Amino acid sequence: MKKPIIEFKDYGFQYNAQAEPTLYHIDLTIYEGEKILIIGPSGSGKSTLGNCINGLIPFSYKGEITGTLIIDGKEAKTQSLFELSKSVGTVLQDPDGQFIGLTAGEDIAFSLENDCVPVDEMHELTSEAAGLVGMKDYLDTAPHALSGGQKQRVSLAGVIVDRVKILLFDEPLANLDPDTGKQAIALIDRIQKETDTTVIIIEHRLEDVLYREVDRIVLICDGRIVADMEPNQLLSGKELIEHGIREPLYLSALRYAGVNLSPEKYPAYIDKLRLTGEDSEKVNKWFLENNIAPLQSEEKKLLEVRNLTFSYEEGVTVLEDVSFEIRAGELLAIVGSNGAGKSTLSKLICGFEIPDRGEIIFNGKNLAGETIAERARHIGYVMQNPNQMISKSMIYDEVALGLQNSNMTEEQIRERVEETLKICGLYPFRNWPISALSFGQKKRVTIASILVIKPEVIILDEPTAGQDFRHYTEIMGFLEHLNRRGFTVIMITHDMHLMLEYAPRALVFSKKKLIADKSSAKILTDVELTVRASLKETSLFALANRCKIEKGTEFVQRFIDYDREVRLNEQQ
């Protein structure tokens, strides 16, 4: 029988700066060699729990601890941060924040150098760790030359080189495209099996983590453990939905069809799902009976991109001969692999970069002669991290900033700002400091600061990155609301759920080229296309195949249309 390696006993924690505890009465035992997934809504305490395990609490984040935490046989609070790091290795969601060396090899070897390991042994251990994560050929490569997935592999090698007993992953999928995310989950699974290391994953993207099996899922809400179950047991119940966690889309489809889920049907894993003949009949019946007319856009052409080519440096093309058009009132996704040119395209449209060749036409006018400020009157750009856009301390001042150099009077500015704050649901907070807002509310402030200028197009880079299901739904419901008011919305995203649920159409980029312009349902049911663009085939398509529904793409589209109707009815 395996021994406990992590034991929380009636454990609680309260940050010094907070009036209430973040964790209450945590009782949790994790055994050697287990793989555990920790999930929960934003603010639930899951990251705090992780920081207790790796020692950042109480050494970096101060507060009051109650109860006990035993790690690898020793009480955590009696060990130093250095001592804990020998048992627990942490891989952060942003690998750039973990790089120290000038090359991948130097970074992997960093802890060995600190321990004064002899050079020959250090080279051997570094090579072995790099080989485990598939990075042996990149030891002399500089960090900035690595892709997001490669950086994460180097970070993992830098942790396992110490031969730690526990690997803690904090949102490992946050900055990865879908296919690279699959590779990351497969790599974590392989490392865990080959080394028998205990693995703990903290992640929002439940369906993506369940690409490989986990032993248990721990669900945290309001600082308490509300479920600690085997995955099939948890996903057959309603605990996820009740606590604001997005269940896999294929499970939602099965519930819509009236299929009763039980642990025996293996609902946690689409490739192991066990459906009876009656279950398949129910899914087929639902498919035949629910046909909702798709949304149509008959609006005028608003934005045209013609033969766009761009290089940051001579001879290194980032975008090549890209052409497409967008109609007024569309809600569109831009997807593809990391480094495919998605963000570069938005910079070219906004005027932050100048194309080598090609044209950008807005409302029939070539934008080549317009400055960034002039384009901003028509096209707004919202960055992924709201903290990188905010420059004022008060909400009203931040939203009003874009109008300060206009010809408007103070009264006209106030009227416009207050109107925009009402649209964004921020009017009650107009006199609040921005520091008092949640991440999702800050996101709304940055959107409001763009909307106040009244652009016709809004481009958002990863609008829901790092958001739990409740905040994700809140932000996307708000964007749908703006879209219905006539704003054209373009979203750059790695989130295939978001693309399917909210964007009827998507542009797909791969290796500097636009390779597809289709409906989201067609893209995520095209096996060859998803491989080319590092996307992930939707589990809804796999469900259609399991139920022998020949029109798999149509099944996916029908689910999306039906789910949209359900969502809109719930909002009313």
Protein backbone atom coordinates (compact mmCIF):
# COMPACT_ATOMS: atom_id res chain seq x y z
CA MET A 1 0.00 0.00 0.00
CA LYS A 2 1.33 3.42 -0.97
CA LYS A 3 2.26 5.87 1.77
CA PRO A 4 0.80 9.38 2.18
CA ILE A 5 3.15 12.04 0.84
CA ILE A 6 0.93 15.11 1.48
CA GLU A 7 -1.44 15.32 4.46
CA PHE A 8 -3.62 18.32 5.29
CA LYS A 9 -5.25 17.90 8.72
CA ASP A 10 -7.94 20.43 9.69
CA TYR A 11 -5.79 22.99 7.86
CA GLY A 12 -6.71 26.65 7.49
CA PHE A 13 -4.97 29.76 6.19
CA GLN A 14 -5.73 33.48 6.36
CA TYR A 15 -3.60 36.08 4.55
CA ASN A 16 -2.47 38.95 6.75
CA ALA A 17 -4.11 41.46 4.41
CA GLN A 18 -7.52 39.77 4.49
CA ALA A 19 -10.33 39.85 7.05
CA GLU A 20 -11.46 36.25 6.42
CA PRO A 21 -9.57 32.98 5.89
CA THR A 22 -8.99 31.73 2.34
CA LEU A 23 -8.86 28.05 3.39
CA TYR A 24 -11.11 26.38 5.99
CA HIS A 25 -10.74 22.97 7.65
CA ILE A 26 -8.90 21.26 4.79
CA ASP A 27 -8.58 17.50 5.25
CA LEU A 28 -6.80 16.00 2.26
CA THR A 29 -4.39 13.08 1.86
CA ILE A 30 -2.41 12.55 -1.35
CA TYR A 31 -0.45 9.31 -1.78
CA GLU A 32 2.89 8.56 -3.43
CA GLY A 33 2.60 8.24 -7.20
CA GLU A 34 -0.94 9.67 -7.44
CA LYS A 35 -2.00 12.16 -10.10
CA ILE A 36 -4.46 14.68 -8.67
CA LEU A 37 -6.41 17.43 -10.46
CA ILE A 38 -7.46 20.42 -8.35
CA ILE A 39 -10.29 22.53 -9.78
CA GLY A 40 -12.56 25.29 -8.55
CA PRO A 41 -13.92 28.71 -9.48
CA SER A 42 -11.70 31.81 -9.33
CA GLY A 43 -11.10 32.84 -5.74
CA SER A 44 -11.97 29.37 -4.43
CA GLY A 45 -8.58 28.88 -2.78
CA LYS A 46 -7.06 26.29 -5.14
CA SER A 47 -3.95 28.38 -5.91
CA THR A 48 -3.56 29.11 -2.19
CA LEU A 49 -3.67 25.35 -1.53
CA GLY A 50 -0.91 24.88 -4.12
CA ASN A 51 1.19 27.60 -2.51
CA CYS A 52 0.87 25.84 0.85
CA ILE A 53 2.27 22.67 -0.73
CA ASN A 54 5.29 24.33 -2.42
CA GLY A 55 6.13 26.53 0.57
CA LEU A 56 5.30 29.97 -0.88
CA ILE A 57 2.91 30.01 2.07
CA PRO A 58 4.06 31.01 4.63
CA PHE A 59 7.54 32.02 3.36
CA SER A 60 6.52 34.43 0.58
CA TYR A 61 2.85 35.05 1.37
CA LYS A 62 2.43 35.76 5.06
CA GLY A 63 -0.58 34.80 7.11
CA GLU A 64 -1.99 32.71 9.94
CA ILE A 65 -1.94 28.91 9.66
CA THR A 66 -4.15 26.57 11.66
CA GLY A 67 -4.01 22.78 11.66
CA THR A 68 -1.12 20.80 10.20
CA LEU A 69 0.41 20.04 6.80
CA ILE A 70 2.78 17.08 6.48
CA ILE A 71 4.90 16.85 3.31
CA ASP A 72 7.10 13.81 2.73
CA GLY A 73 6.91 12.88 6.41
CA LYS A 74 7.81 16.33 7.80
CA GLU A 75 5.65 19.20 9.02
CA ALA A 76 5.80 21.88 6.30
CA LYS A 77 6.07 24.90 8.61
CA THR A 78 9.23 23.48 10.23
CA GLN A 79 11.03 23.27 6.87
CA SER A 80 12.67 26.11 4.95
CA LEU A 81 11.59 27.03 1.43
CA PHE A 82 14.86 25.51 0.18
CA GLU A 83 14.18 22.23 2.01
CA LEU A 84 10.66 22.05 0.61
CA SER A 85 11.95 22.67 -2.93
CA LYS A 86 13.88 19.40 -2.66
CA SER A 87 10.57 17.55 -2.30
CA VAL A 88 8.21 19.76 -4.33
CA GLY A 89 8.95 21.11 -7.81
CA THR A 90 6.62 23.77 -9.24
CA VAL A 91 6.03 24.49 -12.94
CA LEU A 92 4.37 27.90 -13.35
CA GLN A 93 1.71 28.77 -15.95
CA ASP A 94 4.08 31.36 -17.47
CA PRO A 95 7.40 29.56 -18.11
CA ASP A 96 9.11 32.88 -18.91
CA GLY A 97 8.80 33.70 -15.21
CA GLN A 98 10.93 30.64 -14.40
CA PHE A 99 13.83 31.13 -16.84
CA ILE A 100 17.19 32.04 -15.33
CA GLY A 101 19.85 30.66 -17.70
CA LEU A 102 20.98 32.02 -21.08
CA THR A 103 20.34 28.64 -22.73
CA ALA A 104 17.91 25.78 -22.11
CA GLY A 105 20.80 23.65 -20.79
CA GLU A 106 21.91 26.33 -18.32
CA ASP A 107 18.36 26.71 -17.07
CA ILE A 108 17.90 22.99 -16.51
CA ALA A 109 21.24 22.78 -14.69
CA PHE A 110 20.65 25.82 -12.45
CA SER A 111 19.71 23.94 -9.26
CA LEU A 112 22.58 21.48 -9.79
CA GLU A 113 25.05 24.37 -9.98
CA ASN A 114 23.64 25.73 -6.72
CA ASP A 115 24.22 22.33 -5.11
CA CYS A 116 27.84 22.31 -6.41
CA VAL A 117 27.31 19.07 -8.32
CA PRO A 118 30.52 18.04 -10.16
CA VAL A 119 30.57 19.18 -13.81
CA ASP A 120 30.58 15.71 -15.40
CA GLU A 121 27.68 14.54 -13.22
CA MET A 122 25.80 17.82 -13.86
CA HIS A 123 26.09 17.36 -17.64
CA GLU A 124 24.86 13.77 -17.34
CA LEU A 125 21.86 14.70 -15.15
CA THR A 126 20.97 17.69 -17.36
CA SER A 127 21.09 15.55 -20.50
CA GLU A 128 18.98 12.86 -18.83
CA ALA A 129 16.31 15.38 -17.72
CA ALA A 130 16.27 17.04 -21.16
CA GLY A 131 15.86 13.61 -22.77
CA LEU A 132 12.87 12.81 -20.56
CA VAL A 133 11.01 15.91 -21.83
CA GLY A 134 12.19 15.62 -25.45
CA MET A 135 14.51 18.68 -25.36
CA LYS A 136 17.94 17.04 -25.67
CA ASP A 137 18.55 18.72 -29.05
CA TYR A 138 17.82 22.20 -27.67
CA LEU A 139 20.30 22.44 -24.78
CA ASP A 140 22.25 25.26 -26.49
CA THR A 141 19.12 27.17 -27.59
CA ALA A 142 18.31 30.57 -26.03
CA PRO A 143 14.93 30.73 -24.18
CA HIS A 144 13.52 33.45 -26.49
CA ALA A 145 14.01 31.13 -29.49
CA LEU A 146 11.80 28.41 -27.98
CA SER A 147 8.06 28.00 -28.54
CA GLY A 148 5.62 28.16 -25.61
CA GLY A 149 5.43 24.36 -25.42
CA GLN A 150 9.22 24.01 -25.56
CA LYS A 151 9.66 26.57 -22.76
CA GLN A 152 7.29 24.57 -20.60
CA ARG A 153 9.28 21.40 -21.29
CA VAL A 154 12.51 23.13 -20.22
CA SER A 155 10.81 24.38 -17.03
CA LEU A 156 9.68 20.82 -16.29
CA ALA A 157 13.20 19.46 -16.91
CA GLY A 158 14.62 22.11 -14.56
CA VAL A 159 12.36 20.74 -11.83
CA ILE A 160 12.72 16.98 -12.40
CA VAL A 161 16.52 17.24 -12.60
CA ASP A 162 16.38 17.59 -8.80
CA ARG A 163 14.51 14.26 -8.64
CA VAL A 164 11.71 15.76 -6.57
CA LYS A 165 8.96 13.50 -5.26
CA ILE A 166 6.10 15.91 -6.01
CA LEU A 167 5.45 17.89 -9.22
CA LEU A 168 2.99 20.79 -8.94
CA PHE A 169 1.63 22.34 -12.16
CA ASP A 170 -0.12 25.72 -11.87
CA GLU A 171 -2.42 26.10 -14.91
CA PRO A 172 -0.02 24.41 -17.36
CA LEU A 173 -2.38 24.95 -20.33
CA ALA A 174 -3.01 28.69 -19.90
CA ASN A 175 -0.68 29.94 -22.65
CA LEU A 176 -0.64 26.94 -24.99
CA ASP A 177 -2.49 26.28 -28.23
CA PRO A 178 -4.84 23.23 -28.07
CA ASP A 179 -2.51 20.72 -29.72
CA THR A 180 0.50 21.81 -27.65
CA GLY A 181 -1.76 21.55 -24.59
CA LYS A 182 -2.53 17.92 -25.51
CA GLN A 183 1.19 17.24 -25.84
CA ALA A 184 1.81 18.86 -22.43
CA ILE A 185 -0.81 16.67 -20.73
CA ALA A 186 0.59 13.56 -22.47
CA LEU A 187 4.12 14.53 -21.37
CA ILE A 188 3.04 15.04 -17.74
CA ASP A 189 1.33 11.64 -17.84
CA ARG A 190 4.43 9.92 -19.26
CA ILE A 191 6.81 11.55 -16.76
CA GLN A 192 4.53 10.57 -13.88
CA LYS A 193 4.39 6.94 -15.00
CA GLU A 194 8.11 6.64 -15.76
CA THR A 195 9.28 8.26 -12.51
CA ASP A 196 6.34 7.37 -10.19
CA THR A 197 6.33 11.02 -9.11
CA THR A 198 3.27 12.42 -7.36
CA VAL A 199 1.65 14.94 -9.72
CA ILE A 200 -0.76 17.75 -8.77
CA ILE A 201 -2.36 19.81 -11.54
CA ILE A 202 -4.28 23.05 -10.88
CA GLU A 203 -6.22 23.94 -14.04
CA HIS A 204 -9.45 25.53 -15.36
CA ARG A 205 -9.59 23.53 -18.60
CA LEU A 206 -11.07 20.31 -17.21
CA GLU A 207 -11.81 18.55 -20.51
CA ASP A 208 -8.28 19.22 -21.78
CA VAL A 209 -6.63 17.81 -18.64
CA LEU A 210 -8.78 14.68 -18.95
CA TYR A 211 -7.07 13.91 -22.24
CA ARG A 212 -5.15 11.56 -19.94
CA GLU A 213 -6.43 9.80 -16.81
CA VAL A 214 -6.09 11.24 -13.31
CA ASP A 215 -6.62 9.34 -10.05
CA ARG A 216 -8.82 11.89 -8.30
CA ILE A 217 -10.35 15.31 -8.80
CA VAL A 218 -10.46 17.66 -5.82
CA LEU A 219 -13.12 20.36 -6.16
CA ILE A 220 -12.65 23.47 -4.00
CA CYS A 221 -15.23 26.20 -3.47
CA ASP A 222 -15.15 29.11 -1.01
CA GLY A 223 -12.02 27.76 0.64
CA ARG A 224 -13.46 24.32 1.37
CA ILE A 225 -13.14 20.93 -0.30
CA VAL A 226 -16.64 20.15 -1.58
CA ALA A 227 -15.70 17.00 -3.53
CA ASP A 228 -12.78 14.58 -3.62
CA MET A 229 -13.73 11.85 -6.06
CA GLU A 230 -12.63 9.49 -8.78
CA PRO A 231 -13.22 11.38 -12.09
CA ASN A 232 -16.01 9.15 -13.42
CA GLN A 233 -17.92 9.51 -10.18
CA LEU A 234 -17.60 13.31 -10.16
CA LEU A 235 -18.48 13.83 -13.83
CA SER A 236 -21.57 11.64 -13.65
CA GLY A 237 -23.06 13.95 -11.02
CA LYS A 238 -24.02 17.62 -10.92
CA GLU A 239 -21.33 18.91 -8.54
CA LEU A 240 -19.37 20.63 -11.32
CA ILE A 241 -22.37 22.56 -12.65
CA GLU A 242 -23.54 23.47 -9.12
CA HIS A 243 -20.14 24.97 -8.30
CA GLY A 244 -19.63 26.91 -11.54
CA ILE A 245 -17.28 24.55 -13.41
CA ARG A 246 -17.73 23.96 -17.15
CA GLU A 247 -18.29 20.25 -17.77
CA PRO A 248 -17.03 18.70 -21.05
CA LEU A 249 -19.27 19.63 -24.00
CA TYR A 250 -20.08 16.00 -24.87
CA LEU A 251 -21.56 15.55 -21.38
CA SER A 252 -23.79 18.60 -21.88
CA ALA A 253 -24.96 17.06 -25.18
CA LEU A 254 -25.73 13.75 -23.45
CA ARG A 255 -27.72 15.55 -20.74
CA TYR A 256 -29.68 17.51 -23.37
CA ALA A 257 -30.52 14.16 -25.00
CA GLY A 258 -31.81 12.75 -21.69
CA VAL A 259 -29.03 10.21 -21.20
CA ASN A 260 -28.58 9.15 -17.57
CA LEU A 261 -24.90 9.33 -16.63
CA SER A 262 -23.30 6.97 -14.13
CA PRO A 263 -19.67 6.17 -13.18
CA GLU A 264 -19.98 2.82 -15.01
CA LYS A 265 -20.32 4.70 -18.32
CA TYR A 266 -16.85 6.29 -17.89
CA PRO A 267 -18.12 9.85 -18.52
CA ALA A 268 -14.76 11.46 -17.65
CA TYR A 269 -13.04 10.28 -20.84
CA ILE A 270 -14.59 10.60 -24.30
CA ASP A 271 -12.41 7.78 -25.72
CA LYS A 272 -13.61 5.37 -22.97
CA LEU A 273 -17.26 6.45 -22.85
CA ARG A 274 -19.58 3.43 -22.59
CA LEU A 275 -22.97 4.14 -24.12
CA THR A 276 -25.80 1.62 -24.41
CA GLY A 277 -27.81 1.22 -27.60
CA GLU A 278 -30.64 3.09 -25.88
CA ASP A 279 -28.27 5.97 -25.06
CA SER A 280 -27.19 6.26 -28.70
CA GLU A 281 -30.83 6.20 -29.81
CA LYS A 282 -31.60 9.10 -27.45
CA VAL A 283 -28.72 11.15 -28.89
CA ASN A 284 -29.88 10.41 -32.47
CA LYS A 285 -33.47 11.31 -31.56
CA TRP A 286 -32.35 14.62 -30.02
CA PHE A 287 -30.31 15.40 -33.15
CA LEU A 288 -33.29 14.79 -35.47
CA GLU A 289 -35.75 16.78 -33.35
CA ASN A 290 -33.69 19.91 -32.66
CA ASN A 291 -32.94 22.01 -35.70
CA ILE A 292 -32.58 25.72 -34.97
CA ALA A 293 -32.04 28.13 -37.86
CA PRO A 294 -28.44 29.45 -37.69
CA LEU A 295 -27.75 33.16 -37.34
CA GLN A 296 -27.19 34.90 -40.69
CA SER A 297 -25.26 38.11 -41.41
CA GLU A 298 -26.41 40.10 -44.43
CA GLU A 299 -24.58 43.25 -43.41
CA LYS A 300 -22.19 45.27 -45.58
CA LYS A 301 -18.46 44.56 -45.89
CA LEU A 302 -16.71 46.45 -43.09
CA LEU A 303 -13.08 45.27 -43.06
CA GLU A 304 -11.09 43.84 -45.97
CA VAL A 305 -7.55 42.49 -45.84
CA ARG A 306 -5.93 42.01 -49.25
CA ASN A 307 -2.69 40.08 -49.88
CA LEU A 308 -1.16 41.15 -46.57
CA THR A 309 2.52 40.21 -46.04
CA PHE A 310 4.71 41.23 -43.10
CA SER A 311 8.22 40.54 -41.69
CA TYR A 312 9.66 41.77 -38.39
CA GLU A 313 13.12 41.37 -39.88
CA GLU A 314 14.28 40.94 -43.45
CA GLY A 315 13.98 37.40 -44.71
CA VAL A 316 11.79 36.20 -41.81
CA THR A 317 8.17 36.39 -42.96
CA VAL A 318 5.53 36.29 -40.21
CA LEU A 319 2.42 36.68 -42.39
CA GLU A 320 2.26 35.79 -46.07
CA ASP A 321 -0.37 36.82 -48.64
CA VAL A 322 -3.33 36.93 -46.22
CA SER A 323 -6.74 37.93 -47.61
CA PHE A 324 -10.23 37.91 -46.04
CA GLU A 325 -13.22 40.16 -45.37
CA ILE A 326 -15.42 40.77 -42.32
CA ARG A 327 -18.99 42.04 -42.40
CA ALA A 328 -20.48 44.56 -40.01
CA GLY A 329 -22.02 42.93 -36.94
CA GLU A 330 -20.05 39.67 -37.10
CA LEU A 331 -18.63 37.87 -34.07
CA LEU A 332 -15.51 36.15 -35.37
CA ALA A 333 -12.67 34.05 -33.91
CA ILE A 334 -9.05 33.97 -35.02
CA VAL A 335 -7.34 30.68 -34.08
CA GLY A 336 -4.21 28.69 -34.82
CA SER A 337 -0.91 27.51 -33.41
CA ASN A 338 1.39 29.62 -31.22
CA GLY A 339 3.50 31.88 -33.46
CA ALA A 340 1.18 31.50 -36.47
CA GLY A 341 0.75 35.28 -36.86
CA LYS A 342 -2.61 35.88 -35.12
CA SER A 343 -1.49 38.71 -32.82
CA THR A 344 0.68 40.19 -35.59
CA LEU A 345 -2.43 40.45 -37.78
CA SER A 346 -4.24 42.48 -35.11
CA LYS A 347 -1.23 44.80 -34.77
CA LEU A 348 -1.24 45.41 -38.52
CA ILE A 349 -4.98 46.14 -38.54
CA CYS A 350 -4.59 48.60 -35.64
CA GLY A 351 -1.56 50.28 -37.24
CA PHE A 352 1.00 49.24 -34.61
CA GLU A 353 3.00 47.65 -37.45
CA ILE A 354 3.27 48.55 -41.17
CA PRO A 355 2.82 45.73 -43.73
CA ASP A 356 5.51 44.94 -46.30
CA ARG A 357 2.83 44.43 -48.94
CA GLY A 358 -0.95 44.37 -49.19
CA GLU A 359 -3.85 46.55 -48.14
CA ILE A 360 -6.25 46.95 -45.22
CA ILE A 361 -9.56 48.49 -46.30
CA PHE A 362 -12.07 49.80 -43.75
CA ASN A 363 -15.51 50.91 -44.93
CA GLY A 364 -14.13 51.14 -48.45
CA LYS A 365 -11.15 53.32 -47.43
CA ASN A 366 -7.50 52.23 -47.51
CA LEU A 367 -6.04 52.64 -44.00
CA ALA A 368 -2.43 52.98 -45.23
CA GLY A 369 -2.35 56.73 -44.60
CA GLU A 370 -4.05 56.66 -41.18
CA THR A 371 -2.16 56.97 -37.89
CA ILE A 372 -2.72 54.66 -34.90
CA ALA A 373 -4.87 57.36 -33.24
CA GLU A 374 -6.98 57.78 -36.37
CA ARG A 375 -7.53 54.04 -36.71
CA ALA A 376 -8.45 53.81 -33.01
CA ARG A 377 -11.60 55.81 -33.76
CA HIS A 378 -12.84 52.85 -35.84
CA ILE A 379 -10.95 49.85 -34.43
CA GLY A 380 -10.41 49.16 -30.72
CA TYR A 381 -7.87 46.69 -29.35
CA VAL A 382 -8.18 45.02 -25.92
CA MET A 383 -5.08 43.26 -24.61
CA GLN A 384 -5.18 39.89 -22.84
CA ASN A 385 -4.01 41.27 -19.48
CA PRO A 386 -6.07 44.29 -18.35
CA ASN A 387 -3.28 45.40 -16.00
CA GLN A 388 -1.14 46.18 -19.08
CA MET A 389 -3.76 48.65 -20.36
CA ILE A 390 -4.83 50.45 -17.19
CA SER A 391 -3.00 53.69 -16.35
CA LYS A 392 -5.41 55.51 -13.99
CA SER A 393 -6.35 54.64 -10.42
CA MET A 394 -10.09 55.40 -10.70
CA ILE A 395 -12.62 53.72 -13.00
CA TYR A 396 -14.19 56.93 -14.31
CA ASP A 397 -10.79 58.47 -15.11
CA GLU A 398 -9.61 55.35 -16.95
CA VAL A 399 -12.69 55.19 -19.17
CA ALA A 400 -12.61 58.95 -19.84
CA LEU A 401 -8.92 58.94 -20.79
CA GLY A 402 -9.50 58.23 -24.49
CA LEU A 403 -11.74 61.32 -24.81
CA GLN A 404 -9.44 63.82 -23.08
CA ASN A 405 -7.85 65.15 -26.27
CA SER A 406 -11.11 65.31 -28.22
CA ASN A 407 -13.16 68.43 -28.89
CA MET A 408 -15.82 67.33 -26.41
CA THR A 409 -16.74 69.41 -23.36
CA GLU A 410 -16.40 67.99 -19.85
CA GLU A 411 -20.17 67.57 -19.71
CA GLN A 412 -20.22 65.70 -23.03
CA ILE A 413 -17.36 63.49 -21.84
CA ARG A 414 -19.20 62.70 -18.60
CA GLU A 415 -22.36 61.84 -20.50
CA ARG A 416 -20.49 59.53 -22.90
CA VAL A 417 -18.50 57.84 -20.10
CA GLU A 418 -21.58 57.22 -17.96
CA GLU A 419 -23.49 55.83 -20.96
CA THR A 420 -20.59 53.44 -21.66
CA LEU A 421 -20.31 52.40 -18.00
CA LYS A 422 -24.02 51.51 -18.02
CA ILE A 423 -23.57 49.35 -21.15
CA CYS A 424 -20.66 47.58 -19.44
CA GLY A 425 -22.48 47.09 -16.13
CA LEU A 426 -19.94 49.29 -14.35
CA TYR A 427 -22.02 52.38 -13.62
CA PRO A 428 -22.56 51.50 -9.91
CA PHE A 429 -18.76 51.36 -9.52
CA ARG A 430 -17.95 54.57 -11.43
CA ASN A 431 -16.30 56.21 -8.40
CA TRP A 432 -14.45 53.11 -7.26
CA PRO A 433 -10.68 52.64 -7.40
CA ILE A 434 -9.65 50.06 -9.99
CA SER A 435 -7.64 48.22 -7.35
CA ALA A 436 -10.93 47.16 -5.71
CA LEU A 437 -12.09 45.27 -8.82
CA SER A 438 -11.80 41.59 -9.73
CA PHE A 439 -9.83 40.51 -12.80
CA GLY A 440 -13.06 40.10 -14.78
CA GLN A 441 -14.27 43.58 -13.78
CA LYS A 442 -10.91 45.06 -14.77
CA LYS A 443 -11.38 43.37 -18.14
CA ARG A 444 -14.69 45.20 -18.48
CA VAL A 445 -13.00 48.50 -17.63
CA THR A 446 -10.50 48.01 -20.45
CA ILE A 447 -13.32 47.16 -22.83
CA ALA A 448 -15.25 50.25 -21.64
CA SER A 449 -12.17 52.43 -22.23
CA ILE A 450 -12.24 51.27 -25.87
CA LEU A 451 -16.03 51.37 -26.31
CA VAL A 452 -16.25 54.98 -25.12
CA ILE A 453 -14.53 56.04 -28.34
CA LYS A 454 -17.35 54.24 -30.22
CA PRO A 455 -15.28 52.09 -32.58
CA GLU A 456 -17.12 49.88 -35.03
CA VAL A 457 -14.75 46.95 -34.49
CA ILE A 458 -13.36 45.55 -31.23
CA ILE A 459 -10.41 43.12 -31.33
CA LEU A 460 -9.82 41.13 -28.13
CA ASP A 461 -6.71 39.04 -27.45
CA GLU A 462 -7.64 35.95 -25.38
CA PRO A 463 -10.71 37.55 -23.74
CA THR A 464 -11.29 34.68 -21.31
CA ALA A 465 -7.74 33.50 -20.52
CA GLY A 466 -7.43 32.30 -16.93
CA GLN A 467 -11.16 32.76 -16.23
CA ASP A 468 -13.33 30.21 -14.47
CA PHE A 469 -16.63 29.22 -16.08
CA ARG A 470 -18.72 31.84 -14.27
CA HIS A 471 -16.43 34.74 -15.22
CA TYR A 472 -15.93 33.26 -18.71
CA THR A 473 -19.71 33.19 -19.21
CA GLU A 474 -20.03 36.68 -17.77
CA ILE A 475 -17.43 38.18 -20.12
CA MET A 476 -18.72 36.35 -23.20
CA GLY A 477 -22.34 37.19 -22.40
CA PHE A 478 -21.28 40.82 -22.23
CA LEU A 479 -19.49 40.57 -25.61
CA GLU A 480 -22.58 38.95 -27.13
CA HIS A 481 -24.61 41.85 -25.74
CA LEU A 482 -22.25 44.33 -27.42
CA ASN A 483 -22.42 42.35 -30.65
CA ARG A 484 -26.23 42.51 -30.61
CA ARG A 485 -25.94 46.29 -30.22
CA GLY A 486 -24.09 46.42 -33.55
CA PHE A 487 -20.42 46.14 -32.58
CA THR A 488 -18.26 43.85 -34.73
CA VAL A 489 -16.25 41.61 -32.38
CA ILE A 490 -13.03 39.77 -33.32
CA MET A 491 -11.51 37.38 -30.75
CA ILE A 492 -8.02 35.86 -30.85
CA THR A 493 -8.23 32.67 -28.80
CA HIS A 494 -6.76 29.26 -27.96
CA ASP A 495 -10.04 28.22 -26.32
CA MET A 496 -11.93 25.83 -28.58
CA HIS A 497 -15.01 25.91 -26.30
CA LEU A 498 -15.20 29.68 -26.72
CA MET A 499 -14.76 29.43 -30.47
CA LEU A 500 -17.50 26.82 -30.82
CA GLU A 501 -20.00 28.37 -28.43
CA TYR A 502 -19.74 32.02 -29.41
CA ALA A 503 -18.11 32.49 -32.84
CA PRO A 504 -20.17 31.27 -35.82
CA ARG A 505 -17.13 31.81 -38.08
CA ALA A 506 -13.38 31.51 -37.59
CA LEU A 507 -10.15 32.28 -39.45
CA VAL A 508 -7.46 29.62 -39.04
CA PHE A 509 -3.75 30.46 -39.24
CA SER A 510 -0.79 28.12 -39.50
CA LYS A 511 2.84 28.76 -40.42
CA LYS A 512 2.25 32.42 -41.38
CA LYS A 513 -0.69 31.70 -43.70
CA LEU A 514 -4.47 31.84 -43.50
CA ILE A 515 -5.38 28.21 -44.21
CA ALA A 516 -9.15 28.19 -43.57
CA ASP A 517 -12.12 30.56 -43.30
CA LYS A 518 -15.12 28.45 -42.25
CA SER A 519 -17.76 27.94 -39.59
CA SER A 520 -16.31 26.92 -36.21
CA ALA A 521 -18.20 23.61 -36.40
CA LYS A 522 -16.63 22.73 -39.77
CA ILE A 523 -13.15 23.60 -38.54
CA LEU A 524 -13.29 21.48 -35.39
CA THR A 525 -14.67 18.44 -37.24
CA ASP A 526 -11.95 18.53 -39.91
CA VAL A 527 -9.25 16.14 -38.68
CA GLU A 528 -6.61 17.21 -41.22
CA LEU A 529 -7.19 20.93 -40.56
CA THR A 530 -7.01 20.61 -36.77
CA VAL A 531 -3.67 18.82 -37.08
CA ARG A 532 -2.26 21.45 -39.48
CA ALA A 533 -3.28 24.34 -37.24
CA SER A 534 -2.46 22.74 -33.84
CA LEU A 535 -6.13 22.83 -32.85
CA LYS A 536 -8.12 20.15 -31.06
CA GLU A 537 -11.00 18.25 -32.62
CA THR A 538 -14.15 18.83 -30.57
CA SER A 539 -15.35 16.02 -28.33
CA LEU A 540 -18.86 16.61 -29.74
CA PHE A 541 -17.63 15.21 -33.05
CA ALA A 542 -16.25 12.15 -31.25
CA LEU A 543 -19.66 11.72 -29.57
CA ALA A 544 -21.44 11.91 -32.94
CA ASN A 545 -19.14 9.20 -34.29
CA ARG A 546 -19.75 7.01 -31.22
CA CYS A 547 -23.51 7.32 -31.81
CA LYS A 548 -23.08 6.55 -35.54
CA ILE A 549 -24.39 9.96 -36.60
CA GLU A 550 -23.06 10.38 -40.13
CA LYS A 551 -23.58 14.15 -40.24
CA GLY A 552 -21.03 14.86 -37.50
CA THR A 553 -20.45 18.51 -38.44
CA GLU A 554 -24.19 19.13 -38.51
CA PHE A 555 -24.53 17.49 -35.08
CA VAL A 556 -21.89 19.83 -33.64
CA GLN A 557 -23.56 22.89 -35.20
CA ARG A 558 -26.97 21.79 -33.90
CA PHE A 559 -25.60 21.44 -30.37
CA ILE A 560 -24.06 24.94 -30.54
CA ASP A 561 -27.31 26.50 -31.82
CA TYR A 562 -29.37 24.68 -29.17
CA ASP A 563 -26.92 25.55 -26.38
CA ARG A 564 -27.00 29.21 -27.46
CA GLU A 565 -30.80 29.23 -27.20
CA VAL A 566 -30.62 27.69 -23.71
CA ARG A 567 -28.05 30.29 -22.66
CA LEU A 568 -30.05 33.24 -24.01
CA ASN A 569 -33.23 31.98 -22.31
CA GLU A 570 -31.35 31.72 -18.99
CA GLN A 571 -30.16 35.34 -19.36
CA GLN A 572 -33.70 36.66 -19.88
